[in-house]
PDB file of all heavy atoms in Angstrom:
ATOM      1  N   LEU A   1      15.453  -8.717  15.430  1.00  0.00           N
ATOM      2  CA  LEU A   1      15.002  -7.318  15.414  1.00  0.00           C
ATOM      3  C   LEU A   1      13.694  -7.176  14.601  1.00  0.00           C
ATOM      4  O   LEU A   1      13.583  -7.728  13.527  1.00  0.00           O
ATOM      5  CB  LEU A   1      16.111  -6.440  14.717  1.00  0.00           C
ATOM      6  CG  LEU A   1      17.458  -6.373  15.387  1.00  0.00           C
ATOM      7  CD1 LEU A   1      18.352  -5.352  14.806  1.00  0.00           C
ATOM      8  CD2 LEU A   1      17.330  -6.133  16.930  1.00  0.00           C
ATOM      9  N   ARG A   2      12.750  -6.475  15.217  1.00  0.00           N
ATOM     10  CA  ARG A   2      11.461  -6.254  14.611  1.00  0.00           C
ATOM     11  C   ARG A   2      11.340  -4.782  14.156  1.00  0.00           C
ATOM     12  O   ARG A   2      10.791  -3.946  14.859  1.00  0.00           O
ATOM     13  CB  ARG A   2      10.336  -6.585  15.602  1.00  0.00           C
ATOM     14  CG  ARG A   2      10.344  -8.008  16.091  1.00  0.00           C
ATOM     15  CD  ARG A   2       9.372  -8.154  17.266  1.00  0.00           C
ATOM     16  NE  ARG A   2       9.426  -9.561  17.842  1.00  0.00           N
ATOM     17  CZ  ARG A   2       8.954  -9.861  19.014  1.00  0.00           C
ATOM     18  NH1 ARG A   2       8.412  -8.933  19.844  1.00  0.00           N
ATOM     19  NH2 ARG A   2       8.999 -11.080  19.441  1.00  0.00           N
ATOM     20  N   PRO A   3      11.795  -4.519  12.876  1.00  0.00           N
ATOM     21  CA  PRO A   3      11.739  -3.171  12.465  1.00  0.00           C
ATOM     22  C   PRO A   3      10.326  -2.800  11.974  1.00  0.00           C
ATOM     23  O   PRO A   3       9.545  -3.597  11.559  1.00  0.00           O
ATOM     24  CB  PRO A   3      12.712  -3.112  11.303  1.00  0.00           C
ATOM     25  CG  PRO A   3      12.677  -4.553  10.732  1.00  0.00           C
ATOM     26  CD  PRO A   3      12.464  -5.418  11.979  1.00  0.00           C
ATOM     27  N   THR A   4      10.125  -1.525  11.984  1.00  0.00           N
ATOM     28  CA  THR A   4       8.886  -0.936  11.342  1.00  0.00           C
ATOM     29  C   THR A   4       9.121  -0.762   9.885  1.00  0.00           C
ATOM     30  O   THR A   4       9.933  -1.414   9.284  1.00  0.00           O
ATOM     31  CB  THR A   4       8.551   0.402  12.068  1.00  0.00           C
ATOM     32  OG1 THR A   4       9.705   1.272  11.995  1.00  0.00           O
ATOM     33  CG2 THR A   4       8.148   0.163  13.517  1.00  0.00           C
ATOM     34  N   SER A   5       8.483   0.184   9.260  1.00  0.00           N
ATOM     35  CA  SER A   5       8.583   0.389   7.801  1.00  0.00           C
ATOM     36  C   SER A   5       9.913   1.117   7.452  1.00  0.00           C
ATOM     37  O   SER A   5      10.001   2.311   7.615  1.00  0.00           O
ATOM     38  CB  SER A   5       7.395   1.198   7.222  1.00  0.00           C
ATOM     39  OG  SER A   5       6.174   0.537   7.561  1.00  0.00           O
ATOM     40  N   ILE A   6      10.877   0.367   6.926  1.00  0.00           N
ATOM     41  CA  ILE A   6      12.183   0.898   6.590  1.00  0.00           C
ATOM     42  C   ILE A   6      12.093   1.542   5.176  1.00  0.00           C
ATOM     43  O   ILE A   6      11.459   0.985   4.256  1.00  0.00           O
ATOM     44  CB  ILE A   6      13.275  -0.143   6.692  1.00  0.00           C
ATOM     45  CG1 ILE A   6      13.170  -0.893   7.969  1.00  0.00           C
ATOM     46  CG2 ILE A   6      14.693   0.484   6.548  1.00  0.00           C
ATOM     47  CD1 ILE A   6      14.056  -2.151   8.000  1.00  0.00           C
ATOM     48  N   TYR A   7      12.795   2.606   4.991  1.00  0.00           N
ATOM     49  CA  TYR A   7      12.934   3.251   3.658  1.00  0.00           C
ATOM     50  C   TYR A   7      14.287   3.835   3.495  1.00  0.00           C
ATOM     51  O   TYR A   7      15.033   4.065   4.501  1.00  0.00           O
ATOM     52  CB  TYR A   7      11.878   4.297   3.494  1.00  0.00           C
ATOM     53  CG  TYR A   7      12.040   5.544   4.307  1.00  0.00           C
ATOM     54  CD1 TYR A   7      12.606   6.696   3.733  1.00  0.00           C
ATOM     55  CD2 TYR A   7      11.760   5.548   5.663  1.00  0.00           C
ATOM     56  CE1 TYR A   7      12.855   7.838   4.510  1.00  0.00           C
ATOM     57  CE2 TYR A   7      11.948   6.669   6.478  1.00  0.00           C
ATOM     58  CZ  TYR A   7      12.518   7.837   5.867  1.00  0.00           C
ATOM     59  OH  TYR A   7      12.756   8.942   6.618  1.00  0.00           O
ATOM     60  N   GLY A   8      14.671   4.243   2.274  1.00  0.00           N
ATOM     61  CA  GLY A   8      15.890   4.922   2.086  1.00  0.00           C
ATOM     62  C   GLY A   8      16.529   4.543   0.752  1.00  0.00           C
ATOM     63  O   GLY A   8      15.922   3.886  -0.071  1.00  0.00           O
ATOM     64  N   PRO A   9      17.823   5.014   0.504  1.00  0.00           N
ATOM     65  CA  PRO A   9      18.535   4.651  -0.747  1.00  0.00           C
ATOM     66  C   PRO A   9      18.605   3.115  -0.929  1.00  0.00           C
ATOM     67  O   PRO A   9      18.756   2.383   0.035  1.00  0.00           O
ATOM     68  CB  PRO A   9      19.873   5.307  -0.488  1.00  0.00           C
ATOM     69  CG  PRO A   9      19.700   6.425   0.439  1.00  0.00           C
ATOM     70  CD  PRO A   9      18.571   5.904   1.353  1.00  0.00           C
ATOM     71  N   ASN A  10      18.500   2.745  -2.216  1.00  0.00           N
ATOM     72  CA  ASN A  10      18.513   1.336  -2.629  1.00  0.00           C
ATOM     73  C   ASN A  10      17.243   0.638  -2.274  1.00  0.00           C
ATOM     74  O   ASN A  10      17.187  -0.629  -2.297  1.00  0.00           O
ATOM     75  CB  ASN A  10      19.721   0.565  -2.009  1.00  0.00           C
ATOM     76  CG  ASN A  10      21.037   1.111  -2.500  1.00  0.00           C
ATOM     77  OD1 ASN A  10      21.153   1.688  -3.570  1.00  0.00           O
ATOM     78  ND2 ASN A  10      22.074   0.856  -1.670  1.00  0.00           N
ATOM     79  N   ASP A  11      16.172   1.350  -1.980  1.00  0.00           N
ATOM     80  CA  ASP A  11      14.908   0.799  -1.724  1.00  0.00           C
ATOM     81  C   ASP A  11      14.315   0.145  -2.966  1.00  0.00           C
ATOM     82  O   ASP A  11      14.805   0.374  -4.097  1.00  0.00           O
ATOM     83  CB  ASP A  11      13.916   1.814  -1.186  1.00  0.00           C
ATOM     84  CG  ASP A  11      12.857   1.244  -0.223  1.00  0.00           C
ATOM     85  OD1 ASP A  11      12.559   0.041  -0.294  1.00  0.00           O
ATOM     86  OD2 ASP A  11      12.339   1.931   0.629  1.00  0.00           O
ATOM     87  N   ASP A  12      13.201  -0.594  -2.844  1.00  0.00           N
ATOM     88  CA  ASP A  12      12.508  -1.157  -3.970  1.00  0.00           C
ATOM     89  C   ASP A  12      11.455  -0.156  -4.451  1.00  0.00           C
ATOM     90  O   ASP A  12      10.483   0.142  -3.674  1.00  0.00           O
ATOM     91  CB  ASP A  12      11.807  -2.475  -3.550  1.00  0.00           C
ATOM     92  CG  ASP A  12      10.921  -3.070  -4.672  1.00  0.00           C
ATOM     93  OD1 ASP A  12      11.037  -2.544  -5.813  1.00  0.00           O
ATOM     94  OD2 ASP A  12      10.297  -4.054  -4.382  1.00  0.00           O
ATOM     95  N   PHE A  13      11.624   0.431  -5.580  1.00  0.00           N
ATOM     96  CA  PHE A  13      10.706   1.425  -6.112  1.00  0.00           C
ATOM     97  C   PHE A  13       9.818   0.894  -7.219  1.00  0.00           C
ATOM     98  O   PHE A  13       9.096   1.677  -7.921  1.00  0.00           O
ATOM     99  CB  PHE A  13      11.516   2.642  -6.595  1.00  0.00           C
ATOM    100  CG  PHE A  13      12.226   3.391  -5.553  1.00  0.00           C
ATOM    101  CD1 PHE A  13      13.567   3.095  -5.226  1.00  0.00           C
ATOM    102  CD2 PHE A  13      11.610   4.441  -4.821  1.00  0.00           C
ATOM    103  CE1 PHE A  13      14.218   3.781  -4.223  1.00  0.00           C
ATOM    104  CE2 PHE A  13      12.285   5.113  -3.855  1.00  0.00           C
ATOM    105  CZ  PHE A  13      13.580   4.793  -3.529  1.00  0.00           C
ATOM    106  N   GLU A  14       9.791  -0.411  -7.445  1.00  0.00           N
ATOM    107  CA  GLU A  14       9.035  -0.976  -8.467  1.00  0.00           C
ATOM    108  C   GLU A  14       7.545  -0.907  -8.152  1.00  0.00           C
ATOM    109  O   GLU A  14       7.181  -1.246  -7.023  1.00  0.00           O
ATOM    110  CB  GLU A  14       9.434  -2.470  -8.727  1.00  0.00           C
ATOM    111  CG  GLU A  14      10.813  -2.676  -9.318  1.00  0.00           C
ATOM    112  CD  GLU A  14      10.914  -2.000 -10.649  1.00  0.00           C
ATOM    113  OE1 GLU A  14       9.986  -2.134 -11.511  1.00  0.00           O
ATOM    114  OE2 GLU A  14      11.936  -1.348 -10.954  1.00  0.00           O
ATOM    115  N   PRO A  15       6.696  -0.514  -9.119  1.00  0.00           N
ATOM    116  CA  PRO A  15       5.266  -0.325  -8.843  1.00  0.00           C
ATOM    117  C   PRO A  15       4.582  -1.585  -8.195  1.00  0.00           C
ATOM    118  O   PRO A  15       3.719  -1.423  -7.348  1.00  0.00           O
ATOM    119  CB  PRO A  15       4.695   0.000 -10.188  1.00  0.00           C
ATOM    120  CG  PRO A  15       5.847   0.599 -10.949  1.00  0.00           C
ATOM    121  CD  PRO A  15       7.045  -0.119 -10.485  1.00  0.00           C
ATOM    122  N   ALA A  16       4.956  -2.726  -8.678  1.00  0.00           N
ATOM    123  CA  ALA A  16       4.230  -3.904  -8.262  1.00  0.00           C
ATOM    124  C   ALA A  16       4.687  -4.459  -6.866  1.00  0.00           C
ATOM    125  O   ALA A  16       3.861  -5.152  -6.276  1.00  0.00           O
ATOM    126  CB  ALA A  16       4.401  -5.041  -9.245  1.00  0.00           C
ATOM    127  N   THR A  17       5.813  -4.095  -6.436  1.00  0.00           N
ATOM    128  CA  THR A  17       6.298  -4.618  -5.159  1.00  0.00           C
ATOM    129  C   THR A  17       6.722  -3.636  -4.119  1.00  0.00           C
ATOM    130  O   THR A  17       7.007  -4.080  -2.991  1.00  0.00           O
ATOM    131  CB  THR A  17       7.579  -5.523  -5.535  1.00  0.00           C
ATOM    132  OG1 THR A  17       8.521  -4.713  -6.205  1.00  0.00           O
ATOM    133  CG2 THR A  17       7.179  -6.715  -6.397  1.00  0.00           C
ATOM    134  N   SER A  18       6.754  -2.365  -4.417  1.00  0.00           N
ATOM    135  CA  SER A  18       7.233  -1.386  -3.462  1.00  0.00           C
ATOM    136  C   SER A  18       6.252  -1.167  -2.304  1.00  0.00           C
ATOM    137  O   SER A  18       5.019  -1.283  -2.486  1.00  0.00           O
ATOM    138  CB  SER A  18       7.536  -0.020  -4.080  1.00  0.00           C
ATOM    139  OG  SER A  18       6.412   0.501  -4.730  1.00  0.00           O
ATOM    140  N   HIS A  19       6.791  -0.801  -1.131  1.00  0.00           N
ATOM    141  CA  HIS A  19       5.932  -0.372  -0.035  1.00  0.00           C
ATOM    142  C   HIS A  19       5.559   1.109  -0.155  1.00  0.00           C
ATOM    143  O   HIS A  19       5.985   1.827  -1.109  1.00  0.00           O
ATOM    144  CB  HIS A  19       6.736  -0.673   1.300  1.00  0.00           C
ATOM    145  CG  HIS A  19       6.953  -2.051   1.566  1.00  0.00           C
ATOM    146  ND1 HIS A  19       8.167  -2.520   2.042  1.00  0.00           N
ATOM    147  CD2 HIS A  19       6.149  -3.139   1.406  1.00  0.00           C
ATOM    148  CE1 HIS A  19       8.113  -3.900   2.166  1.00  0.00           C
ATOM    149  NE2 HIS A  19       6.871  -4.248   1.804  1.00  0.00           N
ATOM    150  N   VAL A  20       4.806   1.566   0.816  1.00  0.00           N
ATOM    151  CA  VAL A  20       4.108   2.867   0.618  1.00  0.00           C
ATOM    152  C   VAL A  20       5.105   4.018   0.441  1.00  0.00           C
ATOM    153  O   VAL A  20       4.923   4.880  -0.454  1.00  0.00           O
ATOM    154  CB  VAL A  20       3.114   3.154   1.713  1.00  0.00           C
ATOM    155  CG1 VAL A  20       3.776   3.208   3.113  1.00  0.00           C
ATOM    156  CG2 VAL A  20       2.299   4.439   1.479  1.00  0.00           C
ATOM    157  N   THR A  21       6.125   4.118   1.261  1.00  0.00           N
ATOM    158  CA  THR A  21       7.025   5.290   1.220  1.00  0.00           C
ATOM    159  C   THR A  21       7.781   5.374  -0.112  1.00  0.00           C
ATOM    160  O   THR A  21       7.740   6.397  -0.763  1.00  0.00           O
ATOM    161  CB  THR A  21       7.966   5.360   2.441  1.00  0.00           C
ATOM    162  OG1 THR A  21       7.121   5.363   3.602  1.00  0.00           O
ATOM    163  CG2 THR A  21       8.840   6.590   2.386  1.00  0.00           C
ATOM    164  N   PRO A  22       8.474   4.338  -0.529  1.00  0.00           N
ATOM    165  CA  PRO A  22       9.179   4.427  -1.821  1.00  0.00           C
ATOM    166  C   PRO A  22       8.205   4.564  -2.967  1.00  0.00           C
ATOM    167  O   PRO A  22       8.517   5.291  -4.022  1.00  0.00           O
ATOM    168  CB  PRO A  22       9.926   3.114  -1.917  1.00  0.00           C
ATOM    169  CG  PRO A  22       9.269   2.192  -0.991  1.00  0.00           C
ATOM    170  CD  PRO A  22       8.799   3.075   0.164  1.00  0.00           C
ATOM    171  N   ALA A  23       7.009   3.993  -2.889  1.00  0.00           N
ATOM    172  CA  ALA A  23       6.012   4.181  -3.908  1.00  0.00           C
ATOM    173  C   ALA A  23       5.645   5.681  -4.075  1.00  0.00           C
ATOM    174  O   ALA A  23       5.497   6.191  -5.213  1.00  0.00           O
ATOM    175  CB  ALA A  23       4.785   3.350  -3.645  1.00  0.00           C
ATOM    176  N   LEU A  24       5.427   6.375  -2.953  1.00  0.00           N
ATOM    177  CA  LEU A  24       5.073   7.756  -2.992  1.00  0.00           C
ATOM    178  C   LEU A  24       6.240   8.634  -3.508  1.00  0.00           C
ATOM    179  O   LEU A  24       5.978   9.597  -4.278  1.00  0.00           O
ATOM    180  CB  LEU A  24       4.623   8.193  -1.638  1.00  0.00           C
ATOM    181  CG  LEU A  24       3.350   7.621  -1.069  1.00  0.00           C
ATOM    182  CD1 LEU A  24       3.035   8.088   0.381  1.00  0.00           C
ATOM    183  CD2 LEU A  24       2.127   7.994  -1.996  1.00  0.00           C
ATOM    184  N   VAL A  25       7.439   8.267  -3.084  1.00  0.00           N
ATOM    185  CA  VAL A  25       8.587   9.020  -3.618  1.00  0.00           C
ATOM    186  C   VAL A  25       8.663   8.887  -5.129  1.00  0.00           C
ATOM    187  O   VAL A  25       8.838   9.915  -5.778  1.00  0.00           O
ATOM    188  CB  VAL A  25       9.890   8.479  -2.974  1.00  0.00           C
ATOM    189  CG1 VAL A  25      11.140   9.003  -3.697  1.00  0.00           C
ATOM    190  CG2 VAL A  25       9.996   8.834  -1.508  1.00  0.00           C
ATOM    191  N   ARG A  26       8.509   7.720  -5.655  1.00  0.00           N
ATOM    192  CA  ARG A  26       8.535   7.525  -7.092  1.00  0.00           C
ATOM    193  C   ARG A  26       7.447   8.342  -7.832  1.00  0.00           C
ATOM    194  O   ARG A  26       7.714   9.047  -8.767  1.00  0.00           O
ATOM    195  CB  ARG A  26       8.362   6.038  -7.443  1.00  0.00           C
ATOM    196  CG  ARG A  26       8.498   5.810  -8.944  1.00  0.00           C
ATOM    197  CD  ARG A  26       8.050   4.319  -9.319  1.00  0.00           C
ATOM    198  NE  ARG A  26       6.622   4.185  -9.180  1.00  0.00           N
ATOM    199  CZ  ARG A  26       6.003   3.490  -8.235  1.00  0.00           C
ATOM    200  NH1 ARG A  26       6.678   2.862  -7.302  1.00  0.00           N
ATOM    201  NH2 ARG A  26       4.670   3.416  -8.239  1.00  0.00           N
ATOM    202  N   LYS A  27       6.312   8.307  -7.275  1.00  0.00           N
ATOM    203  CA  LYS A  27       5.181   8.985  -7.919  1.00  0.00           C
ATOM    204  C   LYS A  27       5.320  10.484  -7.973  1.00  0.00           C
ATOM    205  O   LYS A  27       4.998  11.181  -8.944  1.00  0.00           O
ATOM    206  CB  LYS A  27       3.830   8.627  -7.205  1.00  0.00           C
ATOM    207  CG  LYS A  27       3.362   7.170  -7.446  1.00  0.00           C
ATOM    208  CD  LYS A  27       2.213   6.765  -6.667  1.00  0.00           C
ATOM    209  CE  LYS A  27       1.845   5.311  -6.897  1.00  0.00           C
ATOM    210  NZ  LYS A  27       0.581   4.973  -6.206  1.00  0.00           N
ATOM    211  N   VAL A  28       5.868  11.044  -6.900  1.00  0.00           N
ATOM    212  CA  VAL A  28       6.088  12.464  -6.785  1.00  0.00           C
ATOM    213  C   VAL A  28       7.209  12.922  -7.615  1.00  0.00           C
ATOM    214  O   VAL A  28       7.115  13.841  -8.459  1.00  0.00           O
ATOM    215  CB  VAL A  28       6.332  12.943  -5.325  1.00  0.00           C
ATOM    216  CG1 VAL A  28       6.738  14.379  -5.251  1.00  0.00           C
ATOM    217  CG2 VAL A  28       5.032  12.730  -4.496  1.00  0.00           C
ATOM    218  N   VAL A  29       8.376  12.272  -7.554  1.00  0.00           N
ATOM    219  CA  VAL A  29       9.574  12.703  -8.319  1.00  0.00           C
ATOM    220  C   VAL A  29       9.338  12.535  -9.780  1.00  0.00           C
ATOM    221  O   VAL A  29       9.818  13.347 -10.621  1.00  0.00           O
ATOM    222  CB  VAL A  29      10.824  11.823  -7.881  1.00  0.00           C
ATOM    223  CG1 VAL A  29      12.000  12.146  -8.750  1.00  0.00           C
ATOM    224  CG2 VAL A  29      11.133  12.125  -6.395  1.00  0.00           C
ATOM    225  N   GLU A  30       8.572  11.529 -10.192  1.00  0.00           N
ATOM    226  CA  GLU A  30       8.297  11.310 -11.595  1.00  0.00           C
ATOM    227  C   GLU A  30       7.082  12.196 -12.133  1.00  0.00           C
ATOM    228  O   GLU A  30       6.699  12.108 -13.277  1.00  0.00           O
ATOM    229  CB  GLU A  30       8.038   9.821 -11.862  1.00  0.00           C
ATOM    230  CG  GLU A  30       9.246   8.953 -11.682  1.00  0.00           C
ATOM    231  CD  GLU A  30       8.973   7.519 -11.995  1.00  0.00           C
ATOM    232  OE1 GLU A  30       7.799   7.160 -12.234  1.00  0.00           O
ATOM    233  OE2 GLU A  30       9.886   6.719 -12.020  1.00  0.00           O
ATOM    234  N   ARG A  31       6.534  12.957 -11.175  1.00  0.00           N
ATOM    235  CA  ARG A  31       5.386  13.846 -11.500  1.00  0.00           C
ATOM    236  C   ARG A  31       4.275  13.111 -12.188  1.00  0.00           C
ATOM    237  O   ARG A  31       3.726  13.564 -13.216  1.00  0.00           O
ATOM    238  CB  ARG A  31       5.873  15.003 -12.438  1.00  0.00           C
ATOM    239  CG  ARG A  31       6.908  15.907 -11.765  1.00  0.00           C
ATOM    240  CD  ARG A  31       6.293  16.667 -10.556  1.00  0.00           C
ATOM    241  NE  ARG A  31       7.117  17.747 -10.016  1.00  0.00           N
ATOM    242  CZ  ARG A  31       7.999  17.543  -9.032  1.00  0.00           C
ATOM    243  NH1 ARG A  31       8.147  16.378  -8.463  1.00  0.00           N
ATOM    244  NH2 ARG A  31       8.723  18.599  -8.592  1.00  0.00           N
ATOM    245  N   GLN A  32       3.911  11.962 -11.557  1.00  0.00           N
ATOM    246  CA  GLN A  32       2.780  11.230 -12.050  1.00  0.00           C
ATOM    247  C   GLN A  32       1.482  12.098 -11.945  1.00  0.00           C
ATOM    248  O   GLN A  32       1.363  12.832 -10.969  1.00  0.00           O
ATOM    249  CB  GLN A  32       2.645   9.885 -11.353  1.00  0.00           C
ATOM    250  CG  GLN A  32       3.751   8.915 -11.687  1.00  0.00           C
ATOM    251  CD  GLN A  32       3.485   7.561 -11.085  1.00  0.00           C
ATOM    252  OE1 GLN A  32       2.413   7.263 -10.640  1.00  0.00           O
ATOM    253  NE2 GLN A  32       4.563   6.723 -11.095  1.00  0.00           N
ATOM    254  N   HIS A  33       0.617  11.990 -12.920  1.00  0.00           N
ATOM    255  CA  HIS A  33      -0.607  12.779 -12.928  1.00  0.00           C
ATOM    256  C   HIS A  33      -1.800  11.939 -13.314  1.00  0.00           C
ATOM    257  O   HIS A  33      -1.878  11.457 -14.397  1.00  0.00           O
ATOM    258  CB  HIS A  33      -0.472  13.985 -13.894  1.00  0.00           C
ATOM    259  CG  HIS A  33      -1.633  14.877 -13.838  1.00  0.00           C
ATOM    260  ND1 HIS A  33      -1.804  15.835 -12.833  1.00  0.00           N
ATOM    261  CD2 HIS A  33      -2.698  15.005 -14.660  1.00  0.00           C
ATOM    262  CE1 HIS A  33      -2.977  16.526 -13.051  1.00  0.00           C
ATOM    263  NE2 HIS A  33      -3.468  15.994 -14.166  1.00  0.00           N
ATOM    264  N   PRO A  34      -2.663  11.680 -12.367  1.00  0.00           N
ATOM    265  CA  PRO A  34      -2.632  12.187 -10.964  1.00  0.00           C
ATOM    266  C   PRO A  34      -1.741  11.218 -10.138  1.00  0.00           C
ATOM    267  O   PRO A  34      -1.339  10.200 -10.599  1.00  0.00           O
ATOM    268  CB  PRO A  34      -4.104  12.035 -10.513  1.00  0.00           C
ATOM    269  CG  PRO A  34      -4.601  10.873 -11.290  1.00  0.00           C
ATOM    270  CD  PRO A  34      -3.913  10.941 -12.641  1.00  0.00           C
ATOM    271  N   ILE A  35      -1.460  11.630  -8.881  1.00  0.00           N
ATOM    272  CA  ILE A  35      -0.741  10.850  -7.975  1.00  0.00           C
ATOM    273  C   ILE A  35      -1.823   9.970  -7.210  1.00  0.00           C
ATOM    274  O   ILE A  35      -2.631  10.452  -6.494  1.00  0.00           O
ATOM    275  CB  ILE A  35       0.047  11.619  -6.940  1.00  0.00           C
ATOM    276  CG1 ILE A  35       1.226  12.370  -7.656  1.00  0.00           C
ATOM    277  CG2 ILE A  35       0.631  10.720  -5.821  1.00  0.00           C
ATOM    278  CD1 ILE A  35       1.945  13.367  -6.756  1.00  0.00           C
ATOM    279  N   GLU A  36      -1.804   8.673  -7.520  1.00  0.00           N
ATOM    280  CA  GLU A  36      -2.785   7.782  -6.976  1.00  0.00           C
ATOM    281  C   GLU A  36      -2.281   7.187  -5.659  1.00  0.00           C
ATOM    282  O   GLU A  36      -1.163   6.705  -5.568  1.00  0.00           O
ATOM    283  CB  GLU A  36      -3.103   6.654  -7.892  1.00  0.00           C
ATOM    284  CG  GLU A  36      -4.159   5.720  -7.395  1.00  0.00           C
ATOM    285  CD  GLU A  36      -4.388   4.485  -8.311  1.00  0.00           C
ATOM    286  OE1 GLU A  36      -3.420   3.940  -8.852  1.00  0.00           O
ATOM    287  OE2 GLU A  36      -5.528   4.119  -8.485  1.00  0.00           O
ATOM    288  N   VAL A  37      -3.063   7.268  -4.591  1.00  0.00           N
ATOM    289  CA  VAL A  37      -2.667   6.767  -3.269  1.00  0.00           C
ATOM    290  C   VAL A  37      -3.647   5.614  -2.971  1.00  0.00           C
ATOM    291  O   VAL A  37      -4.833   5.822  -2.939  1.00  0.00           O
ATOM    292  CB  VAL A  37      -2.733   7.867  -2.206  1.00  0.00           C
ATOM    293  CG1 VAL A  37      -2.370   7.273  -0.839  1.00  0.00           C
ATOM    294  CG2 VAL A  37      -1.822   9.030  -2.581  1.00  0.00           C
ATOM    295  N   TRP A  38      -3.124   4.456  -2.726  1.00  0.00           N
ATOM    296  CA  TRP A  38      -3.974   3.352  -2.307  1.00  0.00           C
ATOM    297  C   TRP A  38      -4.531   3.560  -0.924  1.00  0.00           C
ATOM    298  O   TRP A  38      -3.794   3.922  -0.032  1.00  0.00           O
ATOM    299  CB  TRP A  38      -3.210   2.039  -2.388  1.00  0.00           C
ATOM    300  CG  TRP A  38      -2.863   1.608  -3.770  1.00  0.00           C
ATOM    301  CD1 TRP A  38      -2.963   2.392  -4.927  1.00  0.00           C
ATOM    302  CD2 TRP A  38      -2.375   0.342  -4.187  1.00  0.00           C
ATOM    303  NE1 TRP A  38      -2.590   1.657  -6.011  1.00  0.00           N
ATOM    304  CE2 TRP A  38      -2.227   0.421  -5.618  1.00  0.00           C
ATOM    305  CE3 TRP A  38      -2.072  -0.830  -3.505  1.00  0.00           C
ATOM    306  CZ2 TRP A  38      -1.796  -0.660  -6.344  1.00  0.00           C
ATOM    307  CZ3 TRP A  38      -1.585  -1.913  -4.270  1.00  0.00           C
ATOM    308  CH2 TRP A  38      -1.496  -1.823  -5.684  1.00  0.00           C
ATOM    309  N   GLY A  39      -5.834   3.273  -0.780  1.00  0.00           N
ATOM    310  CA  GLY A  39      -6.491   3.501   0.550  1.00  0.00           C
ATOM    311  C   GLY A  39      -6.931   4.973   0.675  1.00  0.00           C
ATOM    312  O   GLY A  39      -6.844   5.748  -0.305  1.00  0.00           O
ATOM    313  N   ALA A  40      -7.273   5.302   1.846  1.00  0.00           N
ATOM    314  CA  ALA A  40      -7.818   6.674   2.136  1.00  0.00           C
ATOM    315  C   ALA A  40      -6.719   7.618   2.636  1.00  0.00           C
ATOM    316  O   ALA A  40      -7.023   8.733   2.927  1.00  0.00           O
ATOM    317  CB  ALA A  40      -8.991   6.575   3.101  1.00  0.00           C
ATOM    318  N   GLY A  41      -5.522   7.137   2.763  1.00  0.00           N
ATOM    319  CA  GLY A  41      -4.399   7.958   3.235  1.00  0.00           C
ATOM    320  C   GLY A  41      -4.363   8.112   4.739  1.00  0.00           C
ATOM    321  O   GLY A  41      -3.605   8.935   5.251  1.00  0.00           O
ATOM    322  N   GLU A  42      -5.175   7.370   5.420  1.00  0.00           N
ATOM    323  CA  GLU A  42      -5.300   7.478   6.895  1.00  0.00           C
ATOM    324  C   GLU A  42      -4.426   6.476   7.660  1.00  0.00           C
ATOM    325  O   GLU A  42      -4.328   6.558   8.877  1.00  0.00           O
ATOM    326  CB  GLU A  42      -6.705   7.410   7.332  1.00  0.00           C
ATOM    327  CG  GLU A  42      -7.617   8.504   6.730  1.00  0.00           C
ATOM    328  CD  GLU A  42      -9.087   8.310   7.079  1.00  0.00           C
ATOM    329  OE1 GLU A  42      -9.434   7.220   7.622  1.00  0.00           O
ATOM    330  OE2 GLU A  42      -9.856   9.210   6.696  1.00  0.00           O
ATOM    331  N   ASP A  43      -3.938   5.458   7.007  1.00  0.00           N
ATOM    332  CA  ASP A  43      -3.098   4.455   7.640  1.00  0.00           C
ATOM    333  C   ASP A  43      -1.871   5.160   8.250  1.00  0.00           C
ATOM    334  O   ASP A  43      -1.245   5.990   7.643  1.00  0.00           O
ATOM    335  CB  ASP A  43      -2.622   3.386   6.721  1.00  0.00           C
ATOM    336  CG  ASP A  43      -3.719   2.445   6.224  1.00  0.00           C
ATOM    337  OD1 ASP A  43      -4.864   2.620   6.742  1.00  0.00           O
ATOM    338  OD2 ASP A  43      -3.417   1.526   5.403  1.00  0.00           O
ATOM    339  N   VAL A  44      -1.541   4.723   9.495  1.00  0.00           N
ATOM    340  CA  VAL A  44      -0.419   5.295  10.260  1.00  0.00           C
ATOM    341  C   VAL A  44       0.690   4.312  10.431  1.00  0.00           C
ATOM    342  O   VAL A  44       0.498   3.170  10.800  1.00  0.00           O
ATOM    343  CB  VAL A  44      -0.916   5.792  11.644  1.00  0.00           C
ATOM    344  CG1 VAL A  44       0.260   6.310  12.433  1.00  0.00           C
ATOM    345  CG2 VAL A  44      -1.964   6.909  11.479  1.00  0.00           C
ATOM    346  N   ARG A  45       1.919   4.832  10.050  1.00  0.00           N
ATOM    347  CA  ARG A  45       3.104   3.978  10.150  1.00  0.00           C
ATOM    348  C   ARG A  45       4.242   4.670  10.854  1.00  0.00           C
ATOM    349  O   ARG A  45       4.375   5.857  10.794  1.00  0.00           O
ATOM    350  CB  ARG A  45       3.603   3.550   8.772  1.00  0.00           C
ATOM    351  CG  ARG A  45       2.666   2.664   7.938  1.00  0.00           C
ATOM    352  CD  ARG A  45       2.556   1.289   8.563  1.00  0.00           C
ATOM    353  NE  ARG A  45       1.658   0.408   7.854  1.00  0.00           N
ATOM    354  CZ  ARG A  45       0.378   0.319   8.109  1.00  0.00           C
ATOM    355  NH1 ARG A  45      -0.168   1.031   9.006  1.00  0.00           N
ATOM    356  NH2 ARG A  45      -0.324  -0.521   7.344  1.00  0.00           N
TER     357      ARG A  45
END
């Protein structure tokens, strides 16, 4: 099975290893200031 970008409960939310969706969830819920997004935000998944 060739899945696309999977996310959800029990994901990896660690800053050094997480993928984009869990990384964004962590940054928003923790109210990081500012919220840093790697890249220009235009990548499509």
